mmCIF file of all heavy atoms, coordinates in Angstrom:
data_MODEL
# 
_entry.id   MODEL 
# 
loop_
_atom_site.group_PDB 
_atom_site.id 
_atom_site.type_symbol 
_atom_site.label_atom_id 
_atom_site.label_alt_id 
_atom_site.label_comp_id 
_atom_site.label_asym_id 
_atom_site.label_entity_id 
_atom_site.label_seq_id 
_atom_site.pdbx_PDB_ins_code 
_atom_site.Cartn_x 
_atom_site.Cartn_y 
_atom_site.Cartn_z 
_atom_site.occupancy 
_atom_site.B_iso_or_equiv 
_atom_site.pdbx_formal_charge 
_atom_site.auth_seq_id 
_atom_site.auth_comp_id 
_atom_site.auth_asym_id 
_atom_site.auth_atom_id 
_atom_site.pdbx_PDB_model_num 
ATOM 1   N N   . ALA A 1 1  ? 16.911  7.818   -15.595 1.00 0.00 ? 1  ALA A N   1 
ATOM 2   C CA  . ALA A 1 1  ? 18.154  8.329   -15.047 1.00 0.00 ? 1  ALA A CA  1 
ATOM 3   C C   . ALA A 1 1  ? 18.400  7.900   -13.652 1.00 0.00 ? 1  ALA A C   1 
ATOM 4   O O   . ALA A 1 1  ? 19.162  8.547   -12.961 1.00 0.00 ? 1  ALA A O   1 
ATOM 5   C CB  . ALA A 1 1  ? 18.180  9.853   -15.211 1.00 0.00 ? 1  ALA A CB  1 
ATOM 6   N N   . TYR A 1 2  ? 17.810  6.828   -13.155 1.00 0.00 ? 2  TYR A N   1 
ATOM 7   C CA  . TYR A 1 2  ? 17.958  6.409   -11.799 1.00 0.00 ? 2  TYR A CA  1 
ATOM 8   C C   . TYR A 1 2  ? 19.380  6.019   -11.489 1.00 0.00 ? 2  TYR A C   1 
ATOM 9   O O   . TYR A 1 2  ? 20.065  5.341   -12.224 1.00 0.00 ? 2  TYR A O   1 
ATOM 10  C CB  . TYR A 1 2  ? 17.066  5.112   -11.527 1.00 0.00 ? 2  TYR A CB  1 
ATOM 11  C CG  . TYR A 1 2  ? 17.354  4.463   -10.194 1.00 0.00 ? 2  TYR A CG  1 
ATOM 12  C CD1 . TYR A 1 2  ? 17.061  5.137   -9.020  1.00 0.00 ? 2  TYR A CD1 1 
ATOM 13  C CD2 . TYR A 1 2  ? 17.998  3.207   -10.163 1.00 0.00 ? 2  TYR A CD2 1 
ATOM 14  C CE1 . TYR A 1 2  ? 17.270  4.473   -7.786  1.00 0.00 ? 2  TYR A CE1 1 
ATOM 15  C CE2 . TYR A 1 2  ? 18.215  2.557   -8.940  1.00 0.00 ? 2  TYR A CE2 1 
ATOM 16  C CZ  . TYR A 1 2  ? 17.881  3.246   -7.740  1.00 0.00 ? 2  TYR A CZ  1 
ATOM 17  O OH  . TYR A 1 2  ? 18.173  2.668   -6.572  1.00 0.00 ? 2  TYR A OH  1 
ATOM 18  N N   . THR A 1 3  ? 19.927  6.633   -10.421 1.00 0.00 ? 3  THR A N   1 
ATOM 19  C CA  . THR A 1 3  ? 21.235  6.318   -9.902  1.00 0.00 ? 3  THR A CA  1 
ATOM 20  C C   . THR A 1 3  ? 21.161  5.946   -8.440  1.00 0.00 ? 3  THR A C   1 
ATOM 21  O O   . THR A 1 3  ? 20.611  6.810   -7.679  1.00 0.00 ? 3  THR A O   1 
ATOM 22  C CB  . THR A 1 3  ? 22.152  7.571   -10.150 1.00 0.00 ? 3  THR A CB  1 
ATOM 23  O OG1 . THR A 1 3  ? 22.138  7.964   -11.543 1.00 0.00 ? 3  THR A OG1 1 
ATOM 24  C CG2 . THR A 1 3  ? 23.631  7.250   -9.734  1.00 0.00 ? 3  THR A CG2 1 
ATOM 25  N N   . PRO A 1 4  ? 21.502  4.802   -8.050  1.00 0.00 ? 4  PRO A N   1 
ATOM 26  C CA  . PRO A 1 4  ? 21.362  4.408   -6.640  1.00 0.00 ? 4  PRO A CA  1 
ATOM 27  C C   . PRO A 1 4  ? 22.062  5.333   -5.571  1.00 0.00 ? 4  PRO A C   1 
ATOM 28  O O   . PRO A 1 4  ? 21.605  5.430   -4.490  1.00 0.00 ? 4  PRO A O   1 
ATOM 29  C CB  . PRO A 1 4  ? 21.983  3.009   -6.573  1.00 0.00 ? 4  PRO A CB  1 
ATOM 30  C CG  . PRO A 1 4  ? 22.045  2.520   -7.933  1.00 0.00 ? 4  PRO A CG  1 
ATOM 31  C CD  . PRO A 1 4  ? 22.172  3.735   -8.859  1.00 0.00 ? 4  PRO A CD  1 
ATOM 32  N N   . SER A 1 5  ? 23.120  6.043   -6.018  1.00 0.00 ? 5  SER A N   1 
ATOM 33  C CA  . SER A 1 5  ? 23.830  6.804   -4.996  1.00 0.00 ? 5  SER A CA  1 
ATOM 34  C C   . SER A 1 5  ? 23.383  8.245   -4.973  1.00 0.00 ? 5  SER A C   1 
ATOM 35  O O   . SER A 1 5  ? 24.012  9.067   -4.250  1.00 0.00 ? 5  SER A O   1 
ATOM 36  C CB  . SER A 1 5  ? 25.379  6.786   -5.300  1.00 0.00 ? 5  SER A CB  1 
ATOM 37  O OG  . SER A 1 5  ? 25.567  7.274   -6.664  1.00 0.00 ? 5  SER A OG  1 
ATOM 38  N N   . MET A 1 6  ? 22.328  8.542   -5.712  1.00 0.00 ? 6  MET A N   1 
ATOM 39  C CA  . MET A 1 6  ? 21.780  9.927   -5.737  1.00 0.00 ? 6  MET A CA  1 
ATOM 40  C C   . MET A 1 6  ? 20.381  9.944   -5.548  1.00 0.00 ? 6  MET A C   1 
ATOM 41  O O   . MET A 1 6  ? 19.652  8.973   -5.806  1.00 0.00 ? 6  MET A O   1 
ATOM 42  C CB  . MET A 1 6  ? 22.033  10.614  -7.106  1.00 0.00 ? 6  MET A CB  1 
ATOM 43  C CG  . MET A 1 6  ? 23.527  10.913  -7.344  1.00 0.00 ? 6  MET A CG  1 
ATOM 44  S SD  . MET A 1 6  ? 23.696  11.891  -8.774  1.00 0.00 ? 6  MET A SD  1 
ATOM 45  C CE  . MET A 1 6  ? 22.912  13.414  -8.307  1.00 0.00 ? 6  MET A CE  1 
ATOM 46  N N   . ASP A 1 7  ? 19.848  11.058  -4.994  1.00 0.00 ? 7  ASP A N   1 
ATOM 47  C CA  . ASP A 1 7  ? 18.379  11.194  -4.784  1.00 0.00 ? 7  ASP A CA  1 
ATOM 48  C C   . ASP A 1 7  ? 17.774  11.724  -6.034  1.00 0.00 ? 7  ASP A C   1 
ATOM 49  O O   . ASP A 1 7  ? 17.753  12.996  -6.324  1.00 0.00 ? 7  ASP A O   1 
ATOM 50  C CB  . ASP A 1 7  ? 18.105  12.123  -3.641  1.00 0.00 ? 7  ASP A CB  1 
ATOM 51  C CG  . ASP A 1 7  ? 16.599  12.313  -3.318  1.00 0.00 ? 7  ASP A CG  1 
ATOM 52  O OD1 . ASP A 1 7  ? 15.808  11.575  -3.973  1.00 0.00 ? 7  ASP A OD1 1 
ATOM 53  O OD2 . ASP A 1 7  ? 16.285  13.205  -2.552  1.00 0.00 ? 7  ASP A OD2 1 
ATOM 54  N N   . THR A 1 8  ? 17.267  10.866  -6.959  1.00 0.00 ? 8  THR A N   1 
ATOM 55  C CA  . THR A 1 8  ? 16.731  11.251  -8.224  1.00 0.00 ? 8  THR A CA  1 
ATOM 56  C C   . THR A 1 8  ? 15.206  11.213  -8.263  1.00 0.00 ? 8  THR A C   1 
ATOM 57  O O   . THR A 1 8  ? 14.546  11.376  -9.244  1.00 0.00 ? 8  THR A O   1 
ATOM 58  C CB  . THR A 1 8  ? 17.187  10.366  -9.345  1.00 0.00 ? 8  THR A CB  1 
ATOM 59  O OG1 . THR A 1 8  ? 16.887  9.048   -9.029  1.00 0.00 ? 8  THR A OG1 1 
ATOM 60  C CG2 . THR A 1 8  ? 18.717  10.502  -9.566  1.00 0.00 ? 8  THR A CG2 1 
ATOM 61  N N   . GLY A 1 9  ? 14.634  10.972  -7.029  1.00 0.00 ? 9  GLY A N   1 
ATOM 62  C CA  . GLY A 1 9  ? 13.187  10.766  -6.987  1.00 0.00 ? 9  GLY A CA  1 
ATOM 63  C C   . GLY A 1 9  ? 12.268  12.016  -6.961  1.00 0.00 ? 9  GLY A C   1 
ATOM 64  O O   . GLY A 1 9  ? 12.797  13.156  -6.978  1.00 0.00 ? 9  GLY A O   1 
ATOM 65  N N   . ASP A 1 10 ? 10.990  11.777  -6.995  1.00 0.00 ? 10 ASP A N   1 
ATOM 66  C CA  . ASP A 1 10 ? 9.979   12.860  -7.015  1.00 0.00 ? 10 ASP A CA  1 
ATOM 67  C C   . ASP A 1 10 ? 9.403   13.060  -5.662  1.00 0.00 ? 10 ASP A C   1 
ATOM 68  O O   . ASP A 1 10 ? 9.582   12.294  -4.758  1.00 0.00 ? 10 ASP A O   1 
ATOM 69  C CB  . ASP A 1 10 ? 8.907   12.454  -8.037  1.00 0.00 ? 10 ASP A CB  1 
ATOM 70  C CG  . ASP A 1 10 ? 9.387   12.454  -9.436  1.00 0.00 ? 10 ASP A CG  1 
ATOM 71  O OD1 . ASP A 1 10 ? 10.466  13.062  -9.744  1.00 0.00 ? 10 ASP A OD1 1 
ATOM 72  O OD2 . ASP A 1 10 ? 8.711   11.791  -10.283 1.00 0.00 ? 10 ASP A OD2 1 
ATOM 73  N N   . PHE A 1 11 ? 8.626   14.076  -5.531  1.00 0.00 ? 11 PHE A N   1 
ATOM 74  C CA  . PHE A 1 11 ? 7.864   14.452  -4.296  1.00 0.00 ? 11 PHE A CA  1 
ATOM 75  C C   . PHE A 1 11 ? 6.544   13.643  -4.364  1.00 0.00 ? 11 PHE A C   1 
ATOM 76  O O   . PHE A 1 11 ? 5.955   13.471  -5.424  1.00 0.00 ? 11 PHE A O   1 
ATOM 77  C CB  . PHE A 1 11 ? 7.510   15.891  -4.221  1.00 0.00 ? 11 PHE A CB  1 
ATOM 78  C CG  . PHE A 1 11 ? 8.694   16.743  -3.883  1.00 0.00 ? 11 PHE A CG  1 
ATOM 79  C CD1 . PHE A 1 11 ? 9.612   17.210  -4.873  1.00 0.00 ? 11 PHE A CD1 1 
ATOM 80  C CD2 . PHE A 1 11 ? 9.009   17.135  -2.570  1.00 0.00 ? 11 PHE A CD2 1 
ATOM 81  C CE1 . PHE A 1 11 ? 10.691  17.950  -4.630  1.00 0.00 ? 11 PHE A CE1 1 
ATOM 82  C CE2 . PHE A 1 11 ? 10.074  17.890  -2.286  1.00 0.00 ? 11 PHE A CE2 1 
ATOM 83  C CZ  . PHE A 1 11 ? 10.914  18.344  -3.265  1.00 0.00 ? 11 PHE A CZ  1 
ATOM 84  N N   . VAL A 1 12 ? 6.050   13.180  -3.177  1.00 0.00 ? 12 VAL A N   1 
ATOM 85  C CA  . VAL A 1 12 ? 4.827   12.431  -3.114  1.00 0.00 ? 12 VAL A CA  1 
ATOM 86  C C   . VAL A 1 12 ? 3.977   13.078  -2.000  1.00 0.00 ? 12 VAL A C   1 
ATOM 87  O O   . VAL A 1 12 ? 4.450   13.188  -0.853  1.00 0.00 ? 12 VAL A O   1 
ATOM 88  C CB  . VAL A 1 12 ? 5.037   10.955  -2.889  1.00 0.00 ? 12 VAL A CB  1 
ATOM 89  C CG1 . VAL A 1 12 ? 3.698   10.214  -2.755  1.00 0.00 ? 12 VAL A CG1 1 
ATOM 90  C CG2 . VAL A 1 12 ? 5.883   10.321  -3.994  1.00 0.00 ? 12 VAL A CG2 1 
ATOM 91  N N   . VAL A 1 13 ? 2.737   13.386  -2.241  1.00 0.00 ? 13 VAL A N   1 
ATOM 92  C CA  . VAL A 1 13 ? 1.816   13.931  -1.323  1.00 0.00 ? 13 VAL A CA  1 
ATOM 93  C C   . VAL A 1 13 ? 0.707   12.846  -1.158  1.00 0.00 ? 13 VAL A C   1 
ATOM 94  O O   . VAL A 1 13 ? 0.168   12.446  -2.049  1.00 0.00 ? 13 VAL A O   1 
ATOM 95  C CB  . VAL A 1 13 ? 1.136   15.240  -1.729  1.00 0.00 ? 13 VAL A CB  1 
ATOM 96  C CG1 . VAL A 1 13 ? 0.111   15.721  -0.709  1.00 0.00 ? 13 VAL A CG1 1 
ATOM 97  C CG2 . VAL A 1 13 ? 2.225   16.296  -2.020  1.00 0.00 ? 13 VAL A CG2 1 
ATOM 98  N N   . VAL A 1 14 ? 0.550   12.336  0.074   1.00 0.00 ? 14 VAL A N   1 
ATOM 99  C CA  . VAL A 1 14 ? -0.405  11.348  0.369   1.00 0.00 ? 14 VAL A CA  1 
ATOM 100 C C   . VAL A 1 14 ? -1.591  11.970  1.151   1.00 0.00 ? 14 VAL A C   1 
ATOM 101 O O   . VAL A 1 14 ? -1.352  12.567  2.255   1.00 0.00 ? 14 VAL A O   1 
ATOM 102 C CB  . VAL A 1 14 ? 0.203   10.174  1.182   1.00 0.00 ? 14 VAL A CB  1 
ATOM 103 C CG1 . VAL A 1 14 ? -0.875  9.107   1.461   1.00 0.00 ? 14 VAL A CG1 1 
ATOM 104 C CG2 . VAL A 1 14 ? 1.370   9.563   0.475   1.00 0.00 ? 14 VAL A CG2 1 
ATOM 105 N N   . VAL A 1 15 ? -2.841  11.827  0.676   1.00 0.00 ? 15 VAL A N   1 
ATOM 106 C CA  . VAL A 1 15 ? -3.982  12.344  1.369   1.00 0.00 ? 15 VAL A CA  1 
ATOM 107 C C   . VAL A 1 15 ? -4.925  11.151  1.800   1.00 0.00 ? 15 VAL A C   1 
ATOM 108 O O   . VAL A 1 15 ? -4.719  10.063  1.310   1.00 0.00 ? 15 VAL A O   1 
ATOM 109 C CB  . VAL A 1 15 ? -4.760  13.340  0.517   1.00 0.00 ? 15 VAL A CB  1 
ATOM 110 C CG1 . VAL A 1 15 ? -3.966  14.643  0.226   1.00 0.00 ? 15 VAL A CG1 1 
ATOM 111 C CG2 . VAL A 1 15 ? -5.194  12.673  -0.782  1.00 0.00 ? 15 VAL A CG2 1 
ATOM 112 N N   . ASN A 1 16 ? -5.656  11.417  2.838   1.00 0.00 ? 16 ASN A N   1 
ATOM 113 C CA  . ASN A 1 16 ? -6.542  10.402  3.380   1.00 0.00 ? 16 ASN A CA  1 
ATOM 114 C C   . ASN A 1 16 ? -5.803  9.216   3.973   1.00 0.00 ? 16 ASN A C   1 
ATOM 115 O O   . ASN A 1 16 ? -6.147  8.076   3.816   1.00 0.00 ? 16 ASN A O   1 
ATOM 116 C CB  . ASN A 1 16 ? -7.581  9.907   2.330   1.00 0.00 ? 16 ASN A CB  1 
ATOM 117 C CG  . ASN A 1 16 ? -8.634  10.945  2.003   1.00 0.00 ? 16 ASN A CG  1 
ATOM 118 O OD1 . ASN A 1 16 ? -9.043  11.671  2.816   1.00 0.00 ? 16 ASN A OD1 1 
ATOM 119 N ND2 . ASN A 1 16 ? -8.950  10.977  0.653   1.00 0.00 ? 16 ASN A ND2 1 
ATOM 120 N N   . ALA A 1 17 ? -4.743  9.537   4.632   1.00 0.00 ? 17 ALA A N   1 
ATOM 121 C CA  . ALA A 1 17 ? -3.812  8.525   5.241   1.00 0.00 ? 17 ALA A CA  1 
ATOM 122 C C   . ALA A 1 17 ? -4.539  7.754   6.322   1.00 0.00 ? 17 ALA A C   1 
ATOM 123 O O   . ALA A 1 17 ? -4.262  6.580   6.633   1.00 0.00 ? 17 ALA A O   1 
ATOM 124 C CB  . ALA A 1 17 ? -2.536  9.165   5.801   1.00 0.00 ? 17 ALA A CB  1 
ATOM 125 N N   . GLY A 1 18 ? -5.565  8.374   6.951   1.00 0.00 ? 18 GLY A N   1 
ATOM 126 C CA  . GLY A 1 18 ? -6.339  7.682   7.983   1.00 0.00 ? 18 GLY A CA  1 
ATOM 127 C C   . GLY A 1 18 ? -7.272  6.594   7.474   1.00 0.00 ? 18 GLY A C   1 
ATOM 128 O O   . GLY A 1 18 ? -7.875  5.803   8.222   1.00 0.00 ? 18 GLY A O   1 
ATOM 129 N N   . LYS A 1 19 ? -7.450  6.507   6.138   1.00 0.00 ? 19 LYS A N   1 
ATOM 130 C CA  . LYS A 1 19 ? -8.356  5.625   5.545   1.00 0.00 ? 19 LYS A CA  1 
ATOM 131 C C   . LYS A 1 19 ? -7.746  4.392   4.884   1.00 0.00 ? 19 LYS A C   1 
ATOM 132 O O   . LYS A 1 19 ? -8.370  3.679   4.069   1.00 0.00 ? 19 LYS A O   1 
ATOM 133 C CB  . LYS A 1 19 ? -9.267  6.345   4.587   1.00 0.00 ? 19 LYS A CB  1 
ATOM 134 C CG  . LYS A 1 19 ? -10.095 7.473   5.180   1.00 0.00 ? 19 LYS A CG  1 
ATOM 135 C CD  . LYS A 1 19 ? -10.960 8.167   4.172   1.00 0.00 ? 19 LYS A CD  1 
ATOM 136 C CE  . LYS A 1 19 ? -11.746 9.245   4.791   1.00 0.00 ? 19 LYS A CE  1 
ATOM 137 N NZ  . LYS A 1 19 ? -12.464 10.060  3.819   1.00 0.00 ? 19 LYS A NZ  1 
ATOM 138 N N   . VAL A 1 20 ? -6.431  4.149   5.184   1.00 0.00 ? 20 VAL A N   1 
ATOM 139 C CA  . VAL A 1 20 ? -5.859  3.048   4.564   1.00 0.00 ? 20 VAL A CA  1 
ATOM 140 C C   . VAL A 1 20 ? -6.335  1.737   5.271   1.00 0.00 ? 20 VAL A C   1 
ATOM 141 O O   . VAL A 1 20 ? -6.900  1.862   6.349   1.00 0.00 ? 20 VAL A O   1 
ATOM 142 C CB  . VAL A 1 20 ? -4.231  3.058   4.768   1.00 0.00 ? 20 VAL A CB  1 
ATOM 143 C CG1 . VAL A 1 20 ? -3.670  4.212   3.921   1.00 0.00 ? 20 VAL A CG1 1 
ATOM 144 C CG2 . VAL A 1 20 ? -3.913  3.216   6.224   1.00 0.00 ? 20 VAL A CG2 1 
ATOM 145 N N   . ARG A 1 21 ? -6.087  0.634   4.638   1.00 0.00 ? 21 ARG A N   1 
ATOM 146 C CA  . ARG A 1 21 ? -6.617  -0.640  5.198   1.00 0.00 ? 21 ARG A CA  1 
ATOM 147 C C   . ARG A 1 21 ? -5.440  -1.652  5.404   1.00 0.00 ? 21 ARG A C   1 
ATOM 148 O O   . ARG A 1 21 ? -4.398  -1.533  4.743   1.00 0.00 ? 21 ARG A O   1 
ATOM 149 C CB  . ARG A 1 21 ? -7.722  -1.230  4.403   1.00 0.00 ? 21 ARG A CB  1 
ATOM 150 C CG  . ARG A 1 21 ? -7.358  -1.718  3.055   1.00 0.00 ? 21 ARG A CG  1 
ATOM 151 C CD  . ARG A 1 21 ? -8.488  -2.307  2.338   1.00 0.00 ? 21 ARG A CD  1 
ATOM 152 N NE  . ARG A 1 21 ? -8.186  -2.762  0.923   1.00 0.00 ? 21 ARG A NE  1 
ATOM 153 C CZ  . ARG A 1 21 ? -7.696  -3.943  0.699   1.00 0.00 ? 21 ARG A CZ  1 
ATOM 154 N NH1 . ARG A 1 21 ? -7.638  -4.857  1.680   1.00 0.00 ? 21 ARG A NH1 1 
ATOM 155 N NH2 . ARG A 1 21 ? -7.412  -4.323  -0.527  1.00 0.00 ? 21 ARG A NH2 1 
ATOM 156 N N   . PHE A 1 22 ? -5.755  -2.607  6.250   1.00 0.00 ? 22 PHE A N   1 
ATOM 157 C CA  . PHE A 1 22 ? -4.696  -3.618  6.487   1.00 0.00 ? 22 PHE A CA  1 
ATOM 158 C C   . PHE A 1 22 ? -5.384  -4.956  6.191   1.00 0.00 ? 22 PHE A C   1 
ATOM 159 O O   . PHE A 1 22 ? -6.625  -5.110  6.299   1.00 0.00 ? 22 PHE A O   1 
ATOM 160 C CB  . PHE A 1 22 ? -4.305  -3.624  7.990   1.00 0.00 ? 22 PHE A CB  1 
ATOM 161 C CG  . PHE A 1 22 ? -3.499  -2.447  8.370   1.00 0.00 ? 22 PHE A CG  1 
ATOM 162 C CD1 . PHE A 1 22 ? -4.042  -1.275  8.871   1.00 0.00 ? 22 PHE A CD1 1 
ATOM 163 C CD2 . PHE A 1 22 ? -2.151  -2.509  8.222   1.00 0.00 ? 22 PHE A CD2 1 
ATOM 164 C CE1 . PHE A 1 22 ? -3.343  -0.267  9.285   1.00 0.00 ? 22 PHE A CE1 1 
ATOM 165 C CE2 . PHE A 1 22 ? -1.373  -1.409  8.609   1.00 0.00 ? 22 PHE A CE2 1 
ATOM 166 C CZ  . PHE A 1 22 ? -1.866  -0.287  9.097   1.00 0.00 ? 22 PHE A CZ  1 
ATOM 167 N N   . THR A 1 23 ? -4.645  -5.906  5.856   1.00 0.00 ? 23 THR A N   1 
ATOM 168 C CA  . THR A 1 23 ? -5.119  -7.254  5.656   1.00 0.00 ? 23 THR A CA  1 
ATOM 169 C C   . THR A 1 23 ? -4.977  -8.134  6.915   1.00 0.00 ? 23 THR A C   1 
ATOM 170 O O   . THR A 1 23 ? -4.183  -7.820  7.841   1.00 0.00 ? 23 THR A O   1 
ATOM 171 C CB  . THR A 1 23 ? -4.351  -8.007  4.524   1.00 0.00 ? 23 THR A CB  1 
ATOM 172 O OG1 . THR A 1 23 ? -2.954  -8.027  4.899   1.00 0.00 ? 23 THR A OG1 1 
ATOM 173 C CG2 . THR A 1 23 ? -4.511  -7.222  3.102   1.00 0.00 ? 23 THR A CG2 1 
ATOM 174 N N   . GLY A 1 24 ? -5.757  -9.096  7.041   1.00 0.00 ? 24 GLY A N   1 
ATOM 175 C CA  . GLY A 1 24 ? -5.764  -9.997  8.156   1.00 0.00 ? 24 GLY A CA  1 
ATOM 176 C C   . GLY A 1 24 ? -6.143  -9.316  9.444   1.00 0.00 ? 24 GLY A C   1 
ATOM 177 O O   . GLY A 1 24 ? -7.081  -8.460  9.407   1.00 0.00 ? 24 GLY A O   1 
ATOM 178 N N   . ASN A 1 25 ? -5.511  -9.565  10.528  1.00 0.00 ? 25 ASN A N   1 
ATOM 179 C CA  . ASN A 1 25 ? -5.875  -9.028  11.857  1.00 0.00 ? 25 ASN A CA  1 
ATOM 180 C C   . ASN A 1 25 ? -4.889  -7.969  12.262  1.00 0.00 ? 25 ASN A C   1 
ATOM 181 O O   . ASN A 1 25 ? -4.746  -7.678  13.434  1.00 0.00 ? 25 ASN A O   1 
ATOM 182 C CB  . ASN A 1 25 ? -5.815  -10.180 12.900  1.00 0.00 ? 25 ASN A CB  1 
ATOM 183 C CG  . ASN A 1 25 ? -6.915  -11.214 12.637  1.00 0.00 ? 25 ASN A CG  1 
ATOM 184 O OD1 . ASN A 1 25 ? -8.027  -10.863 12.170  1.00 0.00 ? 25 ASN A OD1 1 
ATOM 185 N ND2 . ASN A 1 25 ? -6.640  -12.461 12.926  1.00 0.00 ? 25 ASN A ND2 1 
ATOM 186 N N   . LYS A 1 26 ? -4.217  -7.311  11.345  1.00 0.00 ? 26 LYS A N   1 
ATOM 187 C CA  . LYS A 1 26 ? -3.220  -6.347  11.644  1.00 0.00 ? 26 LYS A CA  1 
ATOM 188 C C   . LYS A 1 26 ? -3.775  -5.154  12.332  1.00 0.00 ? 26 LYS A C   1 
ATOM 189 O O   . LYS A 1 26 ? -3.092  -4.458  13.199  1.00 0.00 ? 26 LYS A O   1 
ATOM 190 C CB  . LYS A 1 26 ? -2.451  -5.903  10.427  1.00 0.00 ? 26 LYS A CB  1 
ATOM 191 C CG  . LYS A 1 26 ? -1.624  -6.990  9.790   1.00 0.00 ? 26 LYS A CG  1 
ATOM 192 C CD  . LYS A 1 26 ? -0.812  -6.404  8.687   1.00 0.00 ? 26 LYS A CD  1 
ATOM 193 C CE  . LYS A 1 26 ? -0.095  -7.405  7.857   1.00 0.00 ? 26 LYS A CE  1 
ATOM 194 N NZ  . LYS A 1 26 ? -0.999  -7.928  6.758   1.00 0.00 ? 26 LYS A NZ  1 
ATOM 195 N N   . GLU A 1 27 ? -5.012  -4.858  12.091  1.00 0.00 ? 27 GLU A N   1 
ATOM 196 C CA  . GLU A 1 27 ? -5.663  -3.658  12.692  1.00 0.00 ? 27 GLU A CA  1 
ATOM 197 C C   . GLU A 1 27 ? -5.699  -3.778  14.234  1.00 0.00 ? 27 GLU A C   1 
ATOM 198 O O   . GLU A 1 27 ? -5.489  -2.825  14.998  1.00 0.00 ? 27 GLU A O   1 
ATOM 199 C CB  . GLU A 1 27 ? -7.127  -3.516  12.202  1.00 0.00 ? 27 GLU A CB  1 
ATOM 200 C CG  . GLU A 1 27 ? -7.730  -2.237  12.692  1.00 0.00 ? 27 GLU A CG  1 
ATOM 201 C CD  . GLU A 1 27 ? -7.238  -0.978  12.052  1.00 0.00 ? 27 GLU A CD  1 
ATOM 202 O OE1 . GLU A 1 27 ? -6.922  -1.000  10.843  1.00 0.00 ? 27 GLU A OE1 1 
ATOM 203 O OE2 . GLU A 1 27 ? -7.166  0.038   12.770  1.00 0.00 ? 27 GLU A OE2 1 
ATOM 204 N N   . THR A 1 28 ? -5.877  -5.012  14.712  1.00 0.00 ? 28 THR A N   1 
ATOM 205 C CA  . THR A 1 28 ? -5.943  -5.207  16.161  1.00 0.00 ? 28 THR A CA  1 
ATOM 206 C C   . THR A 1 28 ? -4.655  -5.782  16.724  1.00 0.00 ? 28 THR A C   1 
ATOM 207 O O   . THR A 1 28 ? -4.332  -5.545  17.904  1.00 0.00 ? 28 THR A O   1 
ATOM 208 C CB  . THR A 1 28 ? -7.096  -6.120  16.570  1.00 0.00 ? 28 THR A CB  1 
ATOM 209 O OG1 . THR A 1 28 ? -6.983  -7.382  15.755  1.00 0.00 ? 28 THR A OG1 1 
ATOM 210 C CG2 . THR A 1 28 ? -8.452  -5.507  16.207  1.00 0.00 ? 28 THR A CG2 1 
ATOM 211 N N   . ASP A 1 29 ? -3.913  -6.601  15.964  1.00 0.00 ? 29 ASP A N   1 
ATOM 212 C CA  . ASP A 1 29 ? -2.760  -7.288  16.488  1.00 0.00 ? 29 ASP A CA  1 
ATOM 213 C C   . ASP A 1 29 ? -1.400  -6.597  16.317  1.00 0.00 ? 29 ASP A C   1 
ATOM 214 O O   . ASP A 1 29 ? -0.485  -6.803  17.058  1.00 0.00 ? 29 ASP A O   1 
ATOM 215 C CB  . ASP A 1 29 ? -2.677  -8.689  15.816  1.00 0.00 ? 29 ASP A CB  1 
ATOM 216 C CG  . ASP A 1 29 ? -3.890  -9.542  16.156  1.00 0.00 ? 29 ASP A CG  1 
ATOM 217 O OD1 . ASP A 1 29 ? -4.613  -9.177  17.010  1.00 0.00 ? 29 ASP A OD1 1 
ATOM 218 O OD2 . ASP A 1 29 ? -3.990  -10.607 15.528  1.00 0.00 ? 29 ASP A OD2 1 
# 
């Protein structure tokens, strides 16, 4: 039932956000 002009999405809870990783040198650059 996705409709671009309406908010039809769900709720998202993200835990351990501090433990994500980056590719390449993004961590320092």
